[in-house]
């Protein structure tokens, strides 16, 4: 569920016997691995971020509607120059029109100043998209709830990843929005040497680590976590293991949204 480009994320090359470098979700064929097709518009803040090629637009990443005129996504989804983007809200099947969609052009892109496209493990993989016009909120299009600044959720907190990314490593994109149960992996566990180790920073959050995972085409999309009987977007899909999207003890890594609330407030005002 992340992008479709195969990239080497870190500058160093993986050596035999060592863990491969992390890769953007879109670097693998995309769709949520495992999981199930979501009920139409059951995640009404989910966005399909699309780029123009010729006269057509193609899904490349996910995103979350956080204000009527603003979308939150991953920096690596929009850090290449020369592309024209749009977002599709109220979407379910990316290959057919269900009558609930709102298509809005991206007017301006704000990428976190700490983002380094040559080092995904450096963090700060977050961007804000200013839309050309405001979304119209209805039963199919709603704003994401964001966590309070600095909030850290406990290990195994109930969370779901959603997106149209690949359904298996190297597989096809999902036509319909999928959801997969990705329990949160606490920082102390995710940073163990037999998990992600020092690759995962305090500004990141991990989810899963087993049969279900985010994958190419899911990048930028939300990690939706249950807190007090309400879903909040606690993560932005960022990268997975070079071994594959659902490799054991290499959970999907997300930008931790609660670490960037003040930065987003400074941009949106």
Protein backbone atom coordinates (compact mmCIF):
# COMPACT_ATOMS: atom_id res chain seq x y z
CA UNK A 1 0.00 0.00 0.00
CA UNK A 2 2.79 2.45 -0.44
CA UNK A 3 4.36 3.62 -3.67
CA UNK A 4 5.25 1.58 -6.70
CA UNK A 5 8.89 2.69 -7.23
CA UNK A 6 11.63 0.26 -6.18
CA UNK A 7 14.11 2.32 -4.20
CA UNK A 8 17.03 1.64 -1.93
CA UNK A 9 16.21 3.75 1.07
CA UNK A 10 19.51 3.88 2.92
CA UNK A 11 22.87 4.76 1.45
CA UNK A 12 24.60 1.59 2.60
CA UNK A 13 24.06 -1.73 0.85
CA UNK A 14 22.72 -4.70 2.79
CA UNK A 15 25.41 -7.33 3.32
CA UNK A 16 24.99 -11.07 3.67
CA UNK A 17 23.98 -11.94 7.22
CA UNK A 18 22.79 -8.41 7.96
CA UNK A 19 19.23 -7.10 7.88
CA UNK A 20 18.36 -5.43 4.56
CA UNK A 21 17.69 -1.73 4.51
CA UNK A 22 14.16 -0.44 5.07
CA UNK A 23 12.13 0.40 2.00
CA UNK A 24 9.26 2.74 1.36
CA UNK A 25 5.96 0.98 1.23
CA UNK A 26 5.50 2.03 -2.35
CA UNK A 27 8.71 0.36 -3.28
CA UNK A 28 6.90 -2.96 -3.17
CA UNK A 29 3.82 -3.94 -5.16
CA UNK A 30 1.01 -2.39 -3.15
CA UNK A 31 -2.04 -3.27 -1.08
CA UNK A 32 -2.63 -4.15 2.54
CA UNK A 33 -1.13 -7.59 3.12
CA UNK A 34 -3.68 -9.86 4.73
CA UNK A 35 -6.69 -8.14 6.23
CA UNK A 36 -9.98 -7.71 4.45
CA UNK A 37 -11.87 -5.33 2.21
CA UNK A 38 -13.27 -2.50 4.31
CA UNK A 39 -16.91 -1.53 4.23
CA UNK A 40 -17.30 1.36 1.75
CA UNK A 41 -16.39 4.71 3.35
CA UNK A 42 -15.97 3.17 6.81
CA UNK A 43 -12.70 5.11 7.10
CA UNK A 44 -14.06 8.43 5.80
CA UNK A 45 -10.81 10.40 6.28
CA UNK A 46 -8.86 8.02 4.03
CA UNK A 47 -7.52 9.69 0.89
CA UNK A 48 -6.15 8.29 -2.36
CA UNK A 49 -3.22 10.46 -3.44
CA UNK A 50 -2.79 10.31 -7.20
CA UNK A 51 -0.23 11.65 -9.68
CA UNK A 52 -0.77 12.62 -13.30
CA UNK A 53 0.94 10.77 -16.12
CA UNK A 54 -0.13 11.87 -19.58
CA UNK A 55 -3.86 12.47 -19.47
CA UNK A 56 -4.56 10.06 -16.62
CA UNK A 57 -4.09 9.91 -12.84
CA UNK A 58 -2.76 6.93 -10.90
CA UNK A 59 -2.88 6.00 -7.22
CA UNK A 60 0.50 6.29 -5.54
CA UNK A 61 -0.08 6.79 -1.81
CA UNK A 62 -2.63 7.16 0.91
CA UNK A 63 -3.34 10.14 3.12
CA UNK A 64 -5.67 11.48 5.80
CA UNK A 65 -7.99 14.46 5.61
CA UNK A 66 -7.21 16.49 8.75
CA UNK A 67 -8.88 19.82 7.85
CA UNK A 68 -11.35 20.52 5.06
CA UNK A 69 -8.52 22.01 3.01
CA UNK A 70 -5.59 19.91 4.25
CA UNK A 71 -4.32 16.35 3.82
CA UNK A 72 -1.56 14.68 5.85
CA UNK A 73 0.69 12.16 4.11
CA UNK A 74 4.30 10.92 4.00
CA UNK A 75 7.08 13.19 2.75
CA UNK A 76 8.47 10.46 0.51
CA UNK A 77 5.18 10.40 -1.40
CA UNK A 78 5.57 13.97 -2.66
CA UNK A 79 9.28 14.82 -2.56
CA UNK A 80 9.90 14.41 -6.29
CA UNK A 81 9.70 17.56 -8.39
CA UNK A 82 7.67 17.95 -11.56
CA UNK A 83 4.63 15.93 -10.53
CA UNK A 84 1.02 17.10 -10.49
CA UNK A 85 -1.07 15.60 -7.69
CA UNK A 86 -4.71 15.35 -6.75
CA UNK A 87 -6.56 13.68 -3.90
CA UNK A 88 -9.70 11.59 -4.11
CA UNK A 89 -11.93 11.64 -1.02
CA UNK A 90 -14.89 9.37 -0.38
CA UNK A 91 -13.18 6.68 -2.46
CA UNK A 92 -13.64 2.91 -2.16
CA UNK A 93 -12.81 1.29 -5.50
CA UNK A 94 -9.99 3.17 -7.24
CA UNK A 95 -10.96 1.70 -10.62
CA UNK A 96 -14.63 2.64 -10.64
CA UNK A 97 -16.82 5.62 -9.77
CA UNK A 98 -19.14 4.92 -6.86
CA UNK A 99 -20.74 8.37 -6.82
CA UNK A 100 -19.33 9.34 -3.42
CA UNK A 101 -15.96 10.66 -4.60
CA UNK A 102 -14.66 14.21 -4.33
CA UNK A 103 -11.64 14.98 -6.52
CA UNK A 104 -9.55 17.99 -5.49
CA UNK A 105 -6.26 19.27 -6.86
CA UNK A 106 -3.24 19.73 -4.58
CA UNK A 107 -2.35 23.40 -4.52
CA UNK A 108 0.77 23.41 -2.33
CA UNK A 109 3.05 20.87 -0.66
CA UNK A 110 4.76 21.38 2.72
CA UNK A 111 7.49 18.84 3.52
CA UNK A 112 9.07 18.70 6.96
CA UNK A 113 12.47 20.41 6.87
CA UNK A 114 14.10 17.43 8.60
CA UNK A 115 13.16 15.00 5.83
CA UNK A 116 16.07 13.45 3.91
CA UNK A 117 14.96 11.39 0.91
CA UNK A 118 18.27 9.50 1.02
CA UNK A 119 17.69 8.25 4.57
CA UNK A 120 14.16 7.13 5.34
CA UNK A 121 15.31 5.84 8.73
CA UNK A 122 16.27 9.39 9.66
CA UNK A 123 12.61 10.14 10.27
CA UNK A 124 10.48 13.26 9.71
CA UNK A 125 8.62 11.43 6.93
CA UNK A 126 5.62 13.75 6.96
CA UNK A 127 4.09 16.29 4.58
CA UNK A 128 1.00 18.46 4.44
CA UNK A 129 -0.96 19.08 1.25
CA UNK A 130 -2.92 22.31 0.86
CA UNK A 131 -5.91 21.57 -1.35
CA UNK A 132 -7.12 23.87 -4.10
CA UNK A 133 -10.59 23.88 -2.56
CA UNK A 134 -12.19 22.64 0.63
CA UNK A 135 -13.66 19.18 0.94
CA UNK A 136 -17.38 18.93 1.66
CA UNK A 137 -17.95 16.89 4.78
CA UNK A 138 -20.72 14.29 4.70
CA UNK A 139 -21.26 10.67 5.72
CA UNK A 140 -18.57 9.54 3.26
CA UNK A 141 -15.97 12.25 3.90
CA UNK A 142 -14.95 13.15 7.44
CA UNK A 143 -11.95 14.65 9.22
CA UNK A 144 -9.44 12.39 10.96
CA UNK A 145 -9.10 12.78 14.70
CA UNK A 146 -5.48 13.44 15.65
CA UNK A 147 -3.90 12.55 18.99
CA UNK A 148 -2.74 15.13 21.52
CA UNK A 149 0.87 16.22 21.16
CA UNK A 150 3.31 13.69 22.60
CA UNK A 151 0.82 10.91 23.28
CA UNK A 152 2.34 7.40 23.32
CA UNK A 153 0.04 4.39 23.10
CA UNK A 154 0.72 1.11 24.91
CA UNK A 155 2.04 -2.09 23.37
CA UNK A 156 -0.73 -4.09 21.62
CA UNK A 157 -3.10 -1.11 21.41
CA UNK A 158 -5.79 -1.94 18.84
CA UNK A 159 -4.90 -0.35 15.49
CA UNK A 160 -5.74 -0.84 11.80
CA UNK A 161 -3.79 0.10 8.69
CA UNK A 162 -5.92 1.01 5.68
CA UNK A 163 -5.11 1.50 2.02
CA UNK A 164 -5.07 0.32 -1.56
CA UNK A 165 -1.51 -0.99 -1.42
CA UNK A 166 -0.26 -4.34 -2.64
CA UNK A 167 -1.86 -7.43 -1.17
CA UNK A 168 1.46 -9.27 -1.12
CA UNK A 169 5.12 -8.44 -1.61
CA UNK A 170 5.39 -7.85 -5.35
CA UNK A 171 1.69 -8.42 -5.86
CA UNK A 172 -1.02 -6.21 -7.39
CA UNK A 173 -2.70 -3.17 -5.89
CA UNK A 174 -6.06 -3.68 -4.31
CA UNK A 175 -8.93 -2.17 -6.26
CA UNK A 176 -10.98 -1.74 -3.08
CA UNK A 177 -9.88 -0.18 0.18
CA UNK A 178 -8.52 -2.80 2.56
CA UNK A 179 -8.03 -2.82 6.30
CA UNK A 180 -5.72 -4.98 8.38
CA UNK A 181 -5.43 -5.40 12.13
CA UNK A 182 -2.00 -4.13 13.14
CA UNK A 183 -1.62 -4.09 16.93
CA UNK A 184 0.79 -1.41 18.02
CA UNK A 185 4.30 -2.60 18.89
CA UNK A 186 5.77 -0.68 21.83
CA UNK A 187 9.00 1.24 21.25
CA UNK A 188 10.97 -0.92 23.68
CA UNK A 189 10.00 -4.03 21.71
CA UNK A 190 10.36 -2.58 18.22
CA UNK A 191 13.88 -1.31 18.96
CA UNK A 192 15.17 -4.66 20.20
CA UNK A 193 18.16 -5.93 18.23
CA UNK A 194 16.13 -8.85 16.81
CA UNK A 195 13.37 -6.46 15.70
CA UNK A 196 14.19 -3.09 14.08
CA UNK A 197 16.92 -2.02 16.49
CA UNK A 198 18.16 1.58 16.27
CA UNK A 199 16.52 2.03 12.85
CA UNK A 200 13.30 3.01 14.64
CA UNK A 201 13.42 6.45 16.26
CA UNK A 202 11.27 7.88 19.04
CA UNK A 203 9.33 9.86 16.40
CA UNK A 204 8.17 6.60 14.80
CA UNK A 205 5.65 3.95 15.82
CA UNK A 206 5.50 0.30 14.79
CA UNK A 207 2.49 -1.85 13.99
CA UNK A 208 2.11 -5.55 13.30
CA UNK A 209 5.18 -7.71 12.80
CA UNK A 210 3.42 -10.84 11.58
CA UNK A 211 1.21 -12.02 8.74
CA UNK A 212 -0.51 -8.68 8.15
CA UNK A 213 1.23 -5.47 7.14
CA UNK A 214 1.20 -2.35 5.07
CA UNK A 215 2.80 -2.63 1.63
CA UNK A 216 3.57 -0.59 -1.48
CA UNK A 217 0.82 1.86 -2.28
CA UNK A 218 -0.08 2.21 1.39
CA UNK A 219 2.58 4.83 2.09
CA UNK A 220 1.26 8.03 3.58
CA UNK A 221 -1.92 6.33 4.73
CA UNK A 222 -3.16 6.18 8.31
CA UNK A 223 -2.54 3.89 11.23
CA UNK A 224 -5.94 4.13 12.88
CA UNK A 225 -5.77 3.38 16.61
CA UNK A 226 -8.61 2.98 19.07
CA UNK A 227 -8.46 5.28 22.11
CA UNK A 228 -11.48 5.70 24.40
CA UNK A 229 -13.77 4.03 21.85
CA UNK A 230 -12.76 6.39 19.04
CA UNK A 231 -10.27 5.98 16.22
CA UNK A 232 -7.38 8.44 16.02
CA UNK A 233 -4.73 8.57 13.30
CA UNK A 234 -1.56 7.81 15.25
CA UNK A 235 0.69 6.94 12.34
CA UNK A 236 1.61 7.74 8.73
CA UNK A 237 2.80 4.65 6.82
CA UNK A 238 6.50 5.08 6.10
CA UNK A 239 8.60 1.94 5.49
CA UNK A 240 8.88 -1.83 5.71
CA UNK A 241 11.73 -4.35 5.68
CA UNK A 242 13.73 -4.99 2.53
CA UNK A 243 12.89 -8.66 3.06
CA UNK A 244 9.24 -8.00 2.35
CA UNK A 245 6.14 -6.26 3.62
CA UNK A 246 5.12 -8.80 6.26
CA UNK A 247 8.44 -10.18 7.48
CA UNK A 248 8.30 -11.52 11.08
CA UNK A 249 9.53 -9.08 13.74
CA UNK A 250 9.92 -6.34 11.14
CA UNK A 251 6.60 -4.53 11.65
CA UNK A 252 5.42 -1.74 9.40
CA UNK A 253 6.96 1.53 10.59
CA UNK A 254 4.89 4.70 10.74
CA UNK A 255 5.70 8.33 11.40
CA UNK A 256 4.30 9.00 14.89
CA UNK A 257 1.70 11.73 14.37
CA UNK A 258 1.73 12.90 17.99
CA UNK A 259 5.38 13.93 17.56
CA UNK A 260 4.44 16.43 14.84
CA UNK A 261 1.30 18.14 16.10
CA UNK A 262 3.13 21.41 16.82
CA UNK A 263 4.79 21.36 13.39
CA UNK A 264 1.43 20.84 11.68
CA UNK A 265 -0.12 23.64 13.73
CA UNK A 266 2.71 25.96 12.62
CA UNK A 267 1.94 25.24 8.95
CA UNK A 268 -1.83 25.27 9.06
CA UNK A 269 -2.01 28.14 11.54
